[in-house]
């Protein structure tokens, strides 16, 4: 599973890293440090990833079964 954070939609509410502390961290400006990135979610943190995506009021976080660079359908959410 891969988690992507849209840098253009992220407004720095901090809810994602508050609920998924083992997966996401904050930067010096209060934004999620992984903003603008796609990261692979370790199997043991899938529930955290789902909770982080659900917590984002801007819907800046998406989950995918495959990395967008490897998938033929980069826009499909899991």
N, C-alpha and C. Protein backbone atom coordinates (compact mmCIF):
# COMPACT_ATOMS: atom_id res chain seq x y z
N UNK A 1 0.85 -1.17 0.00
CA UNK A 1 0.00 0.00 0.00
C UNK A 1 0.90 1.23 0.00
N UNK A 2 0.48 2.25 -0.74
CA UNK A 2 1.22 3.50 -0.83
C UNK A 2 0.34 4.66 -0.40
N UNK A 3 0.93 5.60 0.30
CA UNK A 3 0.25 6.79 0.78
C UNK A 3 0.86 7.99 0.08
N UNK A 4 0.02 8.82 -0.54
CA UNK A 4 0.47 10.04 -1.22
C UNK A 4 -0.12 11.25 -0.54
N UNK A 5 0.69 12.30 -0.41
CA UNK A 5 0.22 13.54 0.18
C UNK A 5 0.37 14.65 -0.85
N UNK A 6 -0.75 15.21 -1.26
CA UNK A 6 -0.80 16.29 -2.24
C UNK A 6 -0.36 17.59 -1.58
N UNK A 7 0.80 18.10 -1.99
CA UNK A 7 1.35 19.32 -1.39
C UNK A 7 0.45 20.53 -1.61
N UNK A 8 -0.26 20.56 -2.72
CA UNK A 8 -1.13 21.69 -3.03
C UNK A 8 -2.40 21.72 -2.18
N UNK A 9 -2.82 20.58 -1.70
CA UNK A 9 -4.04 20.52 -0.88
C UNK A 9 -3.76 20.58 0.62
N UNK A 10 -2.56 20.19 1.02
CA UNK A 10 -2.21 20.16 2.45
C UNK A 10 -2.15 21.59 2.99
N UNK A 11 -2.92 21.86 4.04
CA UNK A 11 -2.96 23.18 4.66
C UNK A 11 -2.32 23.20 6.04
N UNK A 12 -1.73 22.09 6.45
CA UNK A 12 -0.99 22.06 7.70
C UNK A 12 -1.83 21.93 8.96
N UNK A 13 -3.00 21.33 8.86
CA UNK A 13 -3.84 21.13 10.05
C UNK A 13 -3.17 20.23 11.08
N UNK A 14 -2.36 19.28 10.62
CA UNK A 14 -1.62 18.40 11.52
C UNK A 14 -2.38 17.21 12.03
N UNK A 15 -3.58 17.01 11.56
CA UNK A 15 -4.38 15.88 12.05
C UNK A 15 -3.78 14.55 11.63
N UNK A 16 -3.20 14.49 10.44
CA UNK A 16 -2.65 13.23 9.93
C UNK A 16 -1.52 12.72 10.81
N UNK A 17 -0.56 13.56 11.10
CA UNK A 17 0.57 13.08 11.91
C UNK A 17 0.21 12.97 13.38
N UNK A 18 -0.87 13.60 13.79
CA UNK A 18 -1.34 13.43 15.17
C UNK A 18 -1.94 12.04 15.39
N UNK A 19 -2.61 11.51 14.38
CA UNK A 19 -3.24 10.20 14.52
C UNK A 19 -2.36 9.05 14.01
N UNK A 20 -1.30 9.39 13.28
CA UNK A 20 -0.42 8.35 12.72
C UNK A 20 1.04 8.69 13.03
N UNK A 21 1.35 8.84 14.30
CA UNK A 21 2.68 9.26 14.74
C UNK A 21 3.79 8.29 14.35
N UNK A 22 3.45 7.02 14.17
CA UNK A 22 4.47 6.03 13.79
C UNK A 22 4.77 6.06 12.30
N UNK A 23 3.95 6.77 11.53
CA UNK A 23 4.08 6.79 10.07
C UNK A 23 4.47 8.17 9.54
N UNK A 24 3.89 9.22 10.11
CA UNK A 24 4.08 10.58 9.61
C UNK A 24 4.65 11.49 10.69
N UNK A 25 5.40 12.50 10.26
CA UNK A 25 5.97 13.47 11.18
C UNK A 25 5.69 14.88 10.68
N UNK A 26 5.95 15.87 11.53
CA UNK A 26 5.74 17.25 11.13
C UNK A 26 7.08 17.93 10.83
N UNK A 27 7.01 19.00 10.04
CA UNK A 27 8.21 19.78 9.75
C UNK A 27 8.22 21.03 10.62
N UNK A 28 9.20 21.88 10.42
CA UNK A 28 9.35 23.07 11.25
C UNK A 28 8.24 24.10 11.06
N UNK A 29 7.46 23.98 9.99
CA UNK A 29 6.35 24.90 9.72
C UNK A 29 5.01 24.32 10.15
N UNK A 30 5.00 23.11 10.67
CA UNK A 30 3.77 22.48 11.12
C UNK A 30 3.06 21.64 10.07
N UNK A 31 3.63 21.55 8.88
CA UNK A 31 3.07 20.70 7.83
C UNK A 31 3.59 19.28 8.03
N UNK A 32 2.92 18.32 7.42
CA UNK A 32 3.42 16.95 7.45
C UNK A 32 4.73 16.93 6.65
N UNK A 33 5.76 16.34 7.22
CA UNK A 33 7.09 16.34 6.60
C UNK A 33 7.11 15.60 5.27
N UNK A 34 6.20 14.67 5.07
CA UNK A 34 6.15 13.88 3.84
C UNK A 34 5.29 14.53 2.76
N UNK A 35 4.93 15.79 2.95
CA UNK A 35 4.10 16.53 1.98
C UNK A 35 4.74 16.50 0.60
N UNK A 36 3.93 16.20 -0.42
CA UNK A 36 4.41 16.12 -1.79
C UNK A 36 5.08 14.81 -2.14
N UNK A 37 5.01 13.83 -1.26
CA UNK A 37 5.67 12.55 -1.48
C UNK A 37 4.67 11.40 -1.52
N UNK A 38 5.14 10.31 -2.08
CA UNK A 38 4.43 9.03 -2.01
C UNK A 38 5.35 8.09 -1.25
N UNK A 39 4.82 7.49 -0.19
CA UNK A 39 5.63 6.58 0.63
C UNK A 39 4.96 5.21 0.68
N UNK A 40 5.79 4.20 0.82
CA UNK A 40 5.26 2.85 1.00
C UNK A 40 4.89 2.67 2.47
N UNK A 41 3.71 2.14 2.72
CA UNK A 41 3.23 1.94 4.08
C UNK A 41 3.58 0.53 4.53
N UNK A 42 4.36 0.40 5.61
CA UNK A 42 4.66 -0.94 6.14
C UNK A 42 3.37 -1.66 6.53
N UNK A 43 3.33 -2.97 6.37
CA UNK A 43 2.13 -3.75 6.66
C UNK A 43 1.55 -3.47 8.04
N UNK A 44 2.38 -3.31 9.03
CA UNK A 44 1.90 -3.07 10.39
C UNK A 44 1.31 -1.70 10.63
N UNK A 45 1.41 -0.80 9.63
CA UNK A 45 0.91 0.57 9.81
C UNK A 45 -0.23 0.93 8.85
N UNK A 46 -0.85 -0.09 8.25
CA UNK A 46 -1.94 0.17 7.32
C UNK A 46 -3.13 0.87 8.00
N UNK A 47 -3.45 0.47 9.21
CA UNK A 47 -4.55 1.11 9.93
C UNK A 47 -4.22 2.57 10.21
N UNK A 48 -2.97 2.85 10.56
CA UNK A 48 -2.55 4.24 10.79
C UNK A 48 -2.69 5.07 9.52
N UNK A 49 -2.31 4.50 8.38
CA UNK A 49 -2.40 5.20 7.11
C UNK A 49 -3.85 5.53 6.77
N UNK A 50 -4.73 4.57 6.99
CA UNK A 50 -6.15 4.81 6.72
C UNK A 50 -6.72 5.89 7.65
N UNK A 51 -6.29 5.85 8.90
CA UNK A 51 -6.76 6.85 9.85
C UNK A 51 -6.25 8.24 9.49
N UNK A 52 -4.99 8.34 9.05
CA UNK A 52 -4.42 9.62 8.64
C UNK A 52 -5.19 10.19 7.45
N UNK A 53 -5.50 9.34 6.47
CA UNK A 53 -6.26 9.79 5.30
C UNK A 53 -7.65 10.26 5.70
N UNK A 54 -8.28 9.55 6.60
CA UNK A 54 -9.62 9.92 7.06
C UNK A 54 -9.62 11.21 7.87
N UNK A 55 -8.52 11.47 8.56
CA UNK A 55 -8.44 12.65 9.43
C UNK A 55 -8.19 13.94 8.67
N UNK A 56 -7.74 13.87 7.44
CA UNK A 56 -7.38 15.07 6.69
C UNK A 56 -8.62 15.79 6.17
N UNK A 57 -8.89 17.02 6.67
CA UNK A 57 -10.08 17.74 6.22
C UNK A 57 -9.96 18.25 4.78
N UNK A 58 -8.75 18.33 4.27
CA UNK A 58 -8.52 18.81 2.90
C UNK A 58 -8.49 17.68 1.88
N UNK A 59 -8.58 16.43 2.35
CA UNK A 59 -8.50 15.24 1.50
C UNK A 59 -7.21 15.25 0.68
N UNK A 60 -6.11 15.65 1.33
CA UNK A 60 -4.81 15.72 0.67
C UNK A 60 -4.10 14.37 0.66
N UNK A 61 -4.61 13.41 1.39
CA UNK A 61 -3.95 12.11 1.51
C UNK A 61 -4.76 11.05 0.77
N UNK A 62 -4.07 10.31 -0.08
CA UNK A 62 -4.73 9.21 -0.79
C UNK A 62 -3.93 7.94 -0.59
N UNK A 63 -4.63 6.83 -0.63
CA UNK A 63 -4.01 5.51 -0.49
C UNK A 63 -4.21 4.74 -1.79
N UNK A 64 -3.17 4.04 -2.20
CA UNK A 64 -3.21 3.25 -3.43
C UNK A 64 -2.57 1.89 -3.18
N UNK A 65 -3.05 0.91 -3.90
CA UNK A 65 -2.49 -0.43 -3.78
C UNK A 65 -1.10 -0.51 -4.40
N UNK A 66 -0.83 0.30 -5.42
CA UNK A 66 0.47 0.30 -6.09
C UNK A 66 0.98 1.73 -6.18
N UNK A 67 2.28 1.87 -6.29
CA UNK A 67 2.89 3.18 -6.44
C UNK A 67 2.39 3.82 -7.73
N UNK A 68 2.05 5.11 -7.73
CA UNK A 68 1.58 5.76 -8.95
C UNK A 68 2.56 5.64 -10.11
N UNK A 69 3.84 5.59 -9.84
CA UNK A 69 4.83 5.47 -10.91
C UNK A 69 4.85 4.07 -11.52
N UNK A 70 4.32 3.08 -10.79
CA UNK A 70 4.30 1.70 -11.27
C UNK A 70 2.94 1.28 -11.80
N UNK A 71 1.92 2.04 -11.45
CA UNK A 71 0.55 1.68 -11.79
C UNK A 71 0.13 2.30 -13.12
N UNK A 72 -0.66 1.58 -13.87
CA UNK A 72 -1.20 2.12 -15.10
C UNK A 72 -2.30 3.12 -14.85
N UNK A 73 -2.89 3.13 -13.66
CA UNK A 73 -3.97 4.04 -13.32
C UNK A 73 -3.59 4.80 -12.06
N UNK A 74 -2.80 5.85 -12.22
CA UNK A 74 -2.25 6.60 -11.09
C UNK A 74 -3.31 7.33 -10.31
N UNK A 75 -4.50 7.53 -10.87
CA UNK A 75 -5.53 8.28 -10.16
C UNK A 75 -6.49 7.43 -9.36
N UNK A 76 -6.31 6.15 -9.33
CA UNK A 76 -7.26 5.28 -8.64
C UNK A 76 -6.92 5.20 -7.16
N UNK A 77 -7.87 5.60 -6.35
CA UNK A 77 -7.71 5.52 -4.90
C UNK A 77 -8.09 4.14 -4.41
N UNK A 78 -7.43 3.68 -3.36
CA UNK A 78 -7.76 2.38 -2.77
C UNK A 78 -8.90 2.52 -1.80
